[in-house]
Amino acid sequence: MLVVDMDDTLLTDDHELSTENKAMLLKAQEMGVYVVLASGRPTSAMIGYAQELQCDVHNSYMISFNGSTITDLKQDKVLFEHSLTRNQIHSLYDFSQENNTHIITYLDGKIISERHSEYIDIESTITGLELVIVPSFKEAVTSSAVKCLLLEEPKYLKTVEPKLKVAMPDLSVCMSKPFFLEAAPSGVHKGAAVQILSQKLNIHQSEIIAVGNAGNDLSMVQYAGLGVWVDNVDHELREFGNVIVASNNDNGVAEVVRRFILE
């Protein structure tokens, strides 16, 4: 099984799927390898890429919302989903206000926020989801949701990460981009989702390759038998993988297939 992060790993900086990466992933699937996209993105913002790669045709699966959701692509049904409670989301909102960050969540296929910011606009652009500005975040969020994002200038947000881990130890917290701090239920991350899926498919840990570039990929890179970083990986994470390949702009994922699956 080959598990691949999307943004800044499989996709270029322009969010494009290169011809070479696509060709190599199709070839891997023709050899019987499950290709699983694993992203912090909402499910709806991943499905087009999965279909372009014919993951549905090859009976594969998809991990979205940073491990909160696993989808069977052939059956078009959710196998696993774990969400934040309303109270947890409201507590995250209070934390965000105390620490001067923006906060968003996802409801009914839309992004919910009290205000605009350049970083929220980036998330809306990447995912293609409509941004709905509400007068009161807490009043708008009356049910559970799969995750929240705290957003702010990268240097400042990095100082907020350890504070959030201390303030809310019952959550799974990680950086997915320098300006995106992700919060999900405890124990929910890409690595846990890969473990659940591999056990369902009777695939041994040693038969898993995971490729990523950021903090939200660390759990799956460490869980996999072969953990791979693309060369644009965050500097502090480089030592935690087994291999480093070319960057996301230089077809690093295609290199993984050539070196570790085709040879």
C-alpha atoms as a PDB file:
ATOM      1  CA  MET A   1       0.000   0.000   0.000  1.00  0.00           C
ATOM      2  CA  LEU A   2       1.301   3.425  -1.004  1.00  0.00           C
ATOM      3  CA  VAL A   3      -0.129   6.269   1.083  1.00  0.00           C
ATOM      4  CA  VAL A   4       0.466   9.745  -0.335  1.00  0.00           C
ATOM      5  CA  ASP A   5      -0.161  13.192   1.092  1.00  0.00           C
ATOM      6  CA  MET A   6      -1.540  15.659  -1.436  1.00  0.00           C
ATOM      7  CA  ASP A   7      -0.627  19.322  -0.917  1.00  0.00           C
ATOM      8  CA  ASP A   8       3.126  20.000  -1.115  1.00  0.00           C
ATOM      9  CA  THR A   9       3.794  16.267  -1.645  1.00  0.00           C
ATOM     10  CA  LEU A  10       1.881  14.807  -4.599  1.00  0.00           C
ATOM     11  CA  LEU A  11       0.761  18.166  -5.969  1.00  0.00           C
ATOM     12  CA  THR A  12       3.022  20.975  -7.138  1.00  0.00           C
ATOM     13  CA  ASP A  13       3.014  24.393  -5.494  1.00  0.00           C
ATOM     14  CA  ASP A  14       0.322  25.311  -8.048  1.00  0.00           C
ATOM     15  CA  HIS A  15      -1.837  22.402  -6.800  1.00  0.00           C
ATOM     16  CA  GLU A  16      -1.323  20.503 -10.045  1.00  0.00           C
ATOM     17  CA  LEU A  17      -0.932  16.748 -10.512  1.00  0.00           C
ATOM     18  CA  SER A  18       2.099  16.264 -12.761  1.00  0.00           C
ATOM     19  CA  THR A  19       1.976  13.928 -15.730  1.00  0.00           C
ATOM     20  CA  GLU A  20       4.878  11.893 -14.331  1.00  0.00           C
ATOM     21  CA  ASN A  21       3.386  11.447 -10.876  1.00  0.00           C
ATOM     22  CA  LYS A  22       0.062  10.419 -12.398  1.00  0.00           C
ATOM     23  CA  ALA A  23       1.680   7.900 -14.755  1.00  0.00           C
ATOM     24  CA  MET A  24       3.702   6.274 -11.980  1.00  0.00           C
ATOM     25  CA  LEU A  25       0.729   6.003  -9.614  1.00  0.00           C
ATOM     26  CA  LEU A  26      -1.384   4.420 -12.362  1.00  0.00           C
ATOM     27  CA  LYS A  27       1.434   1.959 -13.003  1.00  0.00           C
ATOM     28  CA  ALA A  28       1.670   1.080  -9.301  1.00  0.00           C
ATOM     29  CA  GLN A  29      -2.056   0.336  -9.207  1.00  0.00           C
ATOM     30  CA  GLU A  30      -1.798  -1.836 -12.312  1.00  0.00           C
ATOM     31  CA  MET A  31       0.714  -3.891 -10.317  1.00  0.00           C
ATOM     32  CA  GLY A  32      -1.844  -4.410  -7.552  1.00  0.00           C
ATOM     33  CA  VAL A  33      -0.662  -1.716  -5.135  1.00  0.00           C
ATOM     34  CA  TYR A  34      -3.338   0.205  -3.255  1.00  0.00           C
ATOM     35  CA  VAL A  35      -2.744   3.933  -3.787  1.00  0.00           C
ATOM     36  CA  VAL A  36      -4.341   5.846  -0.920  1.00  0.00           C
ATOM     37  CA  LEU A  37      -4.518   9.648  -0.864  1.00  0.00           C
ATOM     38  CA  ALA A  38      -4.222  10.973   2.695  1.00  0.00           C
ATOM     39  CA  SER A  39      -4.826  14.661   3.278  1.00  0.00           C
ATOM     40  CA  GLY A  40      -5.989  17.274   5.719  1.00  0.00           C
ATOM     41  CA  ARG A  41      -8.395  18.347   2.990  1.00  0.00           C
ATOM     42  CA  PRO A  42     -12.137  17.711   3.215  1.00  0.00           C
ATOM     43  CA  THR A  43     -13.307  14.636   1.326  1.00  0.00           C
ATOM     44  CA  SER A  44     -14.996  16.704  -1.384  1.00  0.00           C
ATOM     45  CA  ALA A  45     -11.727  18.520  -2.121  1.00  0.00           C
ATOM     46  CA  MET A  46      -9.911  15.217  -2.751  1.00  0.00           C
ATOM     47  CA  ILE A  47     -12.349  13.128  -4.749  1.00  0.00           C
ATOM     48  CA  GLY A  48     -11.533  14.681  -8.131  1.00  0.00           C
ATOM     49  CA  TYR A  49      -7.852  13.813  -7.782  1.00  0.00           C
ATOM     50  CA  ALA A  50      -8.672  10.271  -6.628  1.00  0.00           C
ATOM     51  CA  GLN A  51     -10.855   9.762  -9.679  1.00  0.00           C
ATOM     52  CA  GLU A  52      -8.213  11.200 -12.001  1.00  0.00           C
ATOM     53  CA  LEU A  53      -5.799   8.620 -10.559  1.00  0.00           C
ATOM     54  CA  GLN A  54      -8.462   5.903 -10.998  1.00  0.00           C
ATOM     55  CA  CYS A  55      -8.280   4.981  -7.321  1.00  0.00           C
ATOM     56  CA  ASP A  56     -12.010   4.189  -7.408  1.00  0.00           C
ATOM     57  CA  VAL A  57     -11.556   1.891 -10.401  1.00  0.00           C
ATOM     58  CA  HIS A  58      -8.809   0.062  -8.525  1.00  0.00           C
ATOM     59  CA  ASN A  59     -10.994  -0.466  -5.427  1.00  0.00           C
ATOM     60  CA  SER A  60      -8.959   1.852  -3.231  1.00  0.00           C
ATOM     61  CA  TYR A  61      -9.660   4.130  -0.306  1.00  0.00           C
ATOM     62  CA  MET A  62      -9.070   7.718   0.747  1.00  0.00           C
ATOM     63  CA  ILE A  63      -8.141   9.336   4.054  1.00  0.00           C
ATOM     64  CA  SER A  64      -9.460  12.888   4.515  1.00  0.00           C
ATOM     65  CA  PHE A  65      -9.642  15.509   7.264  1.00  0.00           C
ATOM     66  CA  ASN A  66      -6.220  14.386   8.573  1.00  0.00           C
ATOM     67  CA  GLY A  67      -7.400  10.888   9.421  1.00  0.00           C
ATOM     68  CA  SER A  68     -10.868  11.749  10.725  1.00  0.00           C
ATOM     69  CA  THR A  69     -12.547  10.072   7.744  1.00  0.00           C
ATOM     70  CA  ILE A  70     -11.801   6.974   5.658  1.00  0.00           C
ATOM     71  CA  THR A  71     -13.815   6.524   2.456  1.00  0.00           C
ATOM     72  CA  ASP A  72     -14.291   3.406   0.323  1.00  0.00           C
ATOM     73  CA  LEU A  73     -14.011   4.909  -3.158  1.00  0.00           C
ATOM     74  CA  LYS A  74     -15.534   2.028  -5.098  1.00  0.00           C
ATOM     75  CA  GLN A  75     -18.586   1.810  -2.842  1.00  0.00           C
ATOM     76  CA  ASP A  76     -18.662   5.587  -2.283  1.00  0.00           C
ATOM     77  CA  LYS A  77     -19.273   5.167   1.429  1.00  0.00           C
ATOM     78  CA  VAL A  78     -17.608   6.244   4.661  1.00  0.00           C
ATOM     79  CA  LEU A  79     -15.881   3.403   6.521  1.00  0.00           C
ATOM     80  CA  PHE A  80     -14.735   5.448   9.510  1.00  0.00           C
ATOM     81  CA  GLU A  81     -15.418   8.907  10.867  1.00  0.00           C
ATOM     82  CA  HIS A  82     -14.544  10.514  14.183  1.00  0.00           C
ATOM     83  CA  SER A  83     -15.554  14.066  15.014  1.00  0.00           C
ATOM     84  CA  LEU A  84     -14.959  16.819  17.539  1.00  0.00           C
ATOM     85  CA  THR A  85     -17.894  17.439  19.869  1.00  0.00           C
ATOM     86  CA  ARG A  86     -19.662  20.777  19.920  1.00  0.00           C
ATOM     87  CA  ASN A  87     -18.156  21.509  23.346  1.00  0.00           C
ATOM     88  CA  GLN A  88     -14.643  20.785  22.088  1.00  0.00           C
ATOM     89  CA  ILE A  89     -15.175  23.110  19.110  1.00  0.00           C
ATOM     90  CA  HIS A  90     -16.488  25.865  21.391  1.00  0.00           C
ATOM     91  CA  SER A  91     -13.457  25.430  23.673  1.00  0.00           C
ATOM     92  CA  LEU A  92     -11.197  25.711  20.636  1.00  0.00           C
ATOM     93  CA  TYR A  93     -12.964  28.916  19.700  1.00  0.00           C
ATOM     94  CA  ASP A  94     -12.349  30.349  23.178  1.00  0.00           C
ATOM     95  CA  PHE A  95      -8.690  29.343  22.955  1.00  0.00           C
ATOM     96  CA  SER A  96      -8.361  30.977  19.549  1.00  0.00           C
ATOM     97  CA  GLN A  97      -9.767  34.247  20.859  1.00  0.00           C
ATOM     98  CA  GLU A  98      -7.480  34.211  23.885  1.00  0.00           C
ATOM     99  CA  ASN A  99      -4.471  33.561  21.648  1.00  0.00           C
ATOM    100  CA  ASN A 100      -5.355  35.910  18.793  1.00  0.00           C
ATOM    101  CA  THR A 101      -5.762  33.407  15.965  1.00  0.00           C
ATOM    102  CA  HIS A 102      -8.460  32.891  13.383  1.00  0.00           C
ATOM    103  CA  ILE A 103     -10.507  29.691  13.589  1.00  0.00           C
ATOM    104  CA  ILE A 104     -12.579  27.773  11.054  1.00  0.00           C
ATOM    105  CA  THR A 105     -14.488  24.520  10.940  1.00  0.00           C
ATOM    106  CA  TYR A 106     -16.452  22.638   8.278  1.00  0.00           C
ATOM    107  CA  LEU A 107     -20.221  22.140   8.226  1.00  0.00           C
ATOM    108  CA  ASP A 108     -22.406  20.884   5.364  1.00  0.00           C
ATOM    109  CA  GLY A 109     -19.532  21.137   2.893  1.00  0.00           C
ATOM    110  CA  LYS A 110     -18.780  24.769   3.756  1.00  0.00           C
ATOM    111  CA  ILE A 111     -16.094  26.600   5.721  1.00  0.00           C
ATOM    112  CA  ILE A 112     -17.453  28.445   8.768  1.00  0.00           C
ATOM    113  CA  SER A 113     -15.712  31.526  10.136  1.00  0.00           C
ATOM    114  CA  GLU A 114     -16.519  34.822  11.828  1.00  0.00           C
ATOM    115  CA  ARG A 115     -14.250  36.793   9.522  1.00  0.00           C
ATOM    116  CA  HIS A 116     -12.004  36.806   6.493  1.00  0.00           C
ATOM    117  CA  SER A 117      -8.225  36.454   6.575  1.00  0.00           C
ATOM    118  CA  GLU A 118      -5.598  35.814   3.935  1.00  0.00           C
ATOM    119  CA  TYR A 119      -4.996  32.357   5.414  1.00  0.00           C
ATOM    120  CA  ILE A 120      -8.680  31.427   5.449  1.00  0.00           C
ATOM    121  CA  ASP A 121      -8.881  32.531   1.823  1.00  0.00           C
ATOM    122  CA  ILE A 122      -6.006  30.145   1.024  1.00  0.00           C
ATOM    123  CA  GLU A 123      -7.922  27.242   2.578  1.00  0.00           C
ATOM    124  CA  SER A 124     -11.039  28.168   0.610  1.00  0.00           C
ATOM    125  CA  THR A 125      -9.012  28.326  -2.610  1.00  0.00           C
ATOM    126  CA  ILE A 126      -7.242  25.006  -1.997  1.00  0.00           C
ATOM    127  CA  THR A 127     -10.398  23.107  -1.086  1.00  0.00           C
ATOM    128  CA  GLY A 128     -12.812  24.877  -3.408  1.00  0.00           C
ATOM    129  CA  LEU A 129     -15.266  25.157  -0.508  1.00  0.00           C
ATOM    130  CA  GLU A 130     -17.502  28.169   0.024  1.00  0.00           C
ATOM    131  CA  LEU A 131     -16.537  30.399   2.948  1.00  0.00           C
ATOM    132  CA  VAL A 132     -19.546  31.382   5.060  1.00  0.00           C
ATOM    133  CA  ILE A 133     -19.035  34.354   7.381  1.00  0.00           C
ATOM    134  CA  VAL A 134     -21.255  34.075  10.460  1.00  0.00           C
ATOM    135  CA  PRO A 135     -21.918  36.661  13.168  1.00  0.00           C
ATOM    136  CA  SER A 136     -21.280  34.139  15.952  1.00  0.00           C
ATOM    137  CA  PHE A 137     -19.084  31.055  15.506  1.00  0.00           C
ATOM    138  CA  LYS A 138     -20.526  29.335  18.581  1.00  0.00           C
ATOM    139  CA  GLU A 139     -24.116  29.958  17.553  1.00  0.00           C
ATOM    140  CA  ALA A 140     -23.383  28.626  14.064  1.00  0.00           C
ATOM    141  CA  VAL A 141     -21.707  25.455  15.345  1.00  0.00           C
ATOM    142  CA  THR A 142     -24.383  23.518  17.189  1.00  0.00           C
ATOM    143  CA  SER A 143     -23.235  20.013  16.292  1.00  0.00           C
ATOM    144  CA  SER A 144     -20.066  17.956  15.914  1.00  0.00           C
ATOM    145  CA  ALA A 145     -17.535  18.545  13.132  1.00  0.00           C
ATOM    146  CA  VAL A 146     -14.538  16.551  11.979  1.00  0.00           C
ATOM    147  CA  LYS A 147     -11.858  19.146  12.737  1.00  0.00           C
ATOM    148  CA  CYS A 148     -10.963  22.786  13.301  1.00  0.00           C
ATOM    149  CA  LEU A 149      -8.161  24.900  11.902  1.00  0.00           C
ATOM    150  CA  LEU A 150      -6.445  27.726  13.747  1.00  0.00           C
ATOM    151  CA  LEU A 151      -4.800  30.117  11.314  1.00  0.00           C
ATOM    152  CA  GLU A 152      -2.276  32.908  11.690  1.00  0.00           C
ATOM    153  CA  GLU A 153       1.133  34.182  10.605  1.00  0.00           C
ATOM    154  CA  PRO A 154       3.534  31.189  10.653  1.00  0.00           C
ATOM    155  CA  LYS A 155       6.078  32.338  13.243  1.00  0.00           C
ATOM    156  CA  TYR A 156       3.372  33.334  15.689  1.00  0.00           C
ATOM    157  CA  LEU A 157       1.267  30.213  15.060  1.00  0.00           C
ATOM    158  CA  LYS A 158       4.263  28.016  15.838  1.00  0.00           C
ATOM    159  CA  THR A 159       4.292  29.498  19.357  1.00  0.00           C
ATOM    160  CA  VAL A 160       0.583  28.745  19.723  1.00  0.00           C
ATOM    161  CA  GLU A 161       0.965  25.021  18.931  1.00  0.00           C
ATOM    162  CA  PRO A 162       2.556  23.981  22.266  1.00  0.00           C
ATOM    163  CA  LYS A 163       0.077  26.153  24.179  1.00  0.00           C
ATOM    164  CA  LEU A 164      -2.853  24.356  22.531  1.00  0.00           C
ATOM    165  CA  LYS A 165      -1.367  20.942  23.323  1.00  0.00           C
ATOM    166  CA  VAL A 166      -1.139  21.911  26.987  1.00  0.00           C
ATOM    167  CA  ALA A 167      -4.527  23.630  27.140  1.00  0.00           C
ATOM    168  CA  MET A 168      -6.414  20.801  25.392  1.00  0.00           C
ATOM    169  CA  PRO A 169      -4.475  17.544  25.850  1.00  0.00           C
ATOM    170  CA  ASP A 170      -7.555  15.565  24.787  1.00  0.00           C
ATOM    171  CA  LEU A 171      -7.035  16.667  21.177  1.00  0.00           C
ATOM    172  CA  SER A 172      -4.735  15.590  18.361  1.00  0.00           C
ATOM    173  CA  VAL A 173      -2.833  18.739  17.323  1.00  0.00           C
ATOM    174  CA  CYS A 174      -0.410  19.232  14.420  1.00  0.00           C
ATOM    175  CA  MET A 175       0.732  21.682  11.748  1.00  0.00           C
ATOM    176  CA  SER A 176      -0.318  20.923   8.162  1.00  0.00           C
ATOM    177  CA  LYS A 177       1.032  24.155   6.690  1.00  0.00           C
ATOM    178  CA  PRO A 178       3.046  26.870   8.429  1.00  0.00           C
ATOM    179  CA  PHE A 179      -0.158  28.894   8.799  1.00  0.00           C
ATOM    180  CA  PHE A 180      -2.561  25.953   9.506  1.00  0.00           C
ATOM    181  CA  LEU A 181      -2.750  24.440  13.009  1.00  0.00           C
ATOM    182  CA  GLU A 182      -5.041  21.419  12.943  1.00  0.00           C
ATOM    183  CA  ALA A 183      -7.138  20.130  15.852  1.00  0.00           C
ATOM    184  CA  ALA A 184      -8.943  16.786  15.763  1.00  0.00           C
ATOM    185  CA  PRO A 185     -10.178  14.270  18.351  1.00  0.00           C
ATOM    186  CA  SER A 186      -7.538  12.491  20.426  1.00  0.00           C
ATOM    187  CA  GLY A 187      -5.927   9.593  18.593  1.00  0.00           C
ATOM    188  CA  VAL A 188      -7.133  10.833  15.214  1.00  0.00           C
ATOM    189  CA  HIS A 189      -4.292  11.367  12.760  1.00  0.00           C
ATOM    190  CA  LYS A 190      -3.107   9.979   9.453  1.00  0.00           C
ATOM    191  CA  GLY A 191      -1.028   7.243  11.077  1.00  0.00           C
ATOM    192  CA  ALA A 192      -4.012   5.857  12.994  1.00  0.00           C
ATOM    193  CA  ALA A 193      -6.141   5.913   9.843  1.00  0.00           C
ATOM    194  CA  VAL A 194      -3.441   4.067   7.886  1.00  0.00           C
ATOM    195  CA  GLN A 195      -3.309   1.447  10.649  1.00  0.00           C
ATOM    196  CA  ILE A 196      -7.101   0.978  10.589  1.00  0.00           C
ATOM    197  CA  LEU A 197      -7.137   0.648   6.810  1.00  0.00           C
ATOM    198  CA  SER A 198      -4.143  -1.695   6.616  1.00  0.00           C
ATOM    199  CA  GLN A 199      -5.707  -4.013   9.197  1.00  0.00           C
ATOM    200  CA  LYS A 200      -8.947  -4.073   7.220  1.00  0.00           C
ATOM    201  CA  LEU A 201      -7.022  -5.003   4.068  1.00  0.00           C
ATOM    202  CA  ASN A 202      -4.695  -7.453   5.854  1.00  0.00           C
ATOM    203  CA  ILE A 203      -1.644  -5.481   4.751  1.00  0.00           C
ATOM    204  CA  HIS A 204       1.364  -5.783   7.055  1.00  0.00           C
ATOM    205  CA  GLN A 205       3.009  -2.629   8.343  1.00  0.00           C
ATOM    206  CA  SER A 206       6.191  -3.598   6.491  1.00  0.00           C
ATOM    207  CA  GLU A 207       4.259  -3.495   3.190  1.00  0.00           C
ATOM    208  CA  ILE A 208       3.249   0.153   3.590  1.00  0.00           C
ATOM    209  CA  ILE A 209       5.024   3.170   2.060  1.00  0.00           C
ATOM    210  CA  ALA A 210       3.932   6.615   3.257  1.00  0.00           C
ATOM    211  CA  VAL A 211       5.026   9.862   1.601  1.00  0.00           C
ATOM    212  CA  GLY A 212       4.601  13.325   3.092  1.00  0.00           C
ATOM    213  CA  ASN A 213       6.122  16.715   3.794  1.00  0.00           C
ATOM    214  CA  ALA A 214       4.673  18.225   6.981  1.00  0.00           C
ATOM    215  CA  GLY A 215       3.862  17.701  10.640  1.00  0.00           C
ATOM    216  CA  ASN A 216       0.463  16.182   9.946  1.00  0.00           C
ATOM    217  CA  ASP A 217       2.228  13.478   7.882  1.00  0.00           C
ATOM    218  CA  LEU A 218       4.662  12.483  10.636  1.00  0.00           C
ATOM    219  CA  SER A 219       2.410   9.852  12.218  1.00  0.00           C
ATOM    220  CA  MET A 220       1.947   7.926   8.957  1.00  0.00           C
ATOM    221  CA  VAL A 221       5.578   8.303   7.915  1.00  0.00           C
ATOM    222  CA  GLN A 222       6.635   6.797  11.243  1.00  0.00           C
ATOM    223  CA  TYR A 223       4.002   4.042  11.114  1.00  0.00           C
ATOM    224  CA  ALA A 224       4.807   2.866   7.595  1.00  0.00           C
ATOM    225  CA  GLY A 225       7.406   0.219   6.888  1.00  0.00           C
ATOM    226  CA  LEU A 226       9.061   2.803   4.653  1.00  0.00           C
ATOM    227  CA  GLY A 227       8.560   6.430   5.641  1.00  0.00           C
ATOM    228  CA  VAL A 228       9.427   8.896   2.880  1.00  0.00           C
ATOM    229  CA  TRP A 229       9.751  12.668   2.871  1.00  0.00           C
ATOM    230  CA  VAL A 230       9.795  14.796  -0.242  1.00  0.00           C
ATOM    231  CA  ASP A 231      12.761  17.175  -0.274  1.00  0.00           C
ATOM    232  CA  ASN A 232      10.644  20.216   0.642  1.00  0.00           C
ATOM    233  CA  VAL A 233       9.846  18.631   4.024  1.00  0.00           C
ATOM    234  CA  ASP A 234       9.909  20.910   7.052  1.00  0.00           C
ATOM    235  CA  HIS A 235      13.518  21.040   8.235  1.00  0.00           C
ATOM    236  CA  GLU A 236      12.851  19.761  11.762  1.00  0.00           C
ATOM    237  CA  LEU A 237      11.156  16.615  10.384  1.00  0.00           C
ATOM    238  CA  ARG A 238      13.872  15.413   8.020  1.00  0.00           C
ATOM    239  CA  GLU A 239      15.472  13.038  10.521  1.00  0.00           C
ATOM    240  CA  PHE A 240      12.224  11.155  11.197  1.00  0.00           C
ATOM    241  CA  GLY A 241      11.862   9.504   7.788  1.00  0.00           C
ATOM    242  CA  ASN A 242      13.737   6.585   6.225  1.00  0.00           C
ATOM    243  CA  VAL A 243      14.276   8.223   2.842  1.00  0.00           C
ATOM    244  CA  ILE A 244      14.170  11.671   1.251  1.00  0.00           C
ATOM    245  CA  VAL A 245      13.240  11.931  -2.440  1.00  0.00           C
ATOM    246  CA  ALA A 246      12.862  14.832  -4.867  1.00  0.00           C
ATOM    247  CA  SER A 247      10.557  17.719  -3.993  1.00  0.00           C
ATOM    248  CA  ASN A 248       6.866  18.030  -4.801  1.00  0.00           C
ATOM    249  CA  ASN A 249       7.764  20.209  -7.782  1.00  0.00           C
ATOM    250  CA  ASP A 250      10.248  17.613  -9.076  1.00  0.00           C
ATOM    251  CA  ASN A 251       8.066  14.485  -9.117  1.00  0.00           C
ATOM    252  CA  GLY A 252       9.188  13.045  -5.791  1.00  0.00           C
ATOM    253  CA  VAL A 253       6.210  10.681  -5.646  1.00  0.00           C
ATOM    254  CA  ALA A 254       7.101   9.264  -9.067  1.00  0.00           C
ATOM    255  CA  GLU A 255      10.622   8.653  -7.746  1.00  0.00           C
ATOM    256  CA  VAL A 256       9.161   6.624  -4.862  1.00  0.00           C
ATOM    257  CA  VAL A 257       7.256   4.379  -7.264  1.00  0.00           C
ATOM    258  CA  ARG A 258      10.272   3.874  -9.529  1.00  0.00           C
ATOM    259  CA  ARG A 259      12.722   3.126  -6.706  1.00  0.00           C
ATOM    260  CA  PHE A 260      10.624   1.127  -4.264  1.00  0.00           C
ATOM    261  CA  ILE A 261       7.793  -0.465  -6.261  1.00  0.00           C
ATOM    262  CA  LEU A 262       8.936  -0.966  -9.869  1.00  0.00           C
ATOM    263  CA  GLU A 263      12.503  -2.029  -9.163  1.00  0.00           C
END
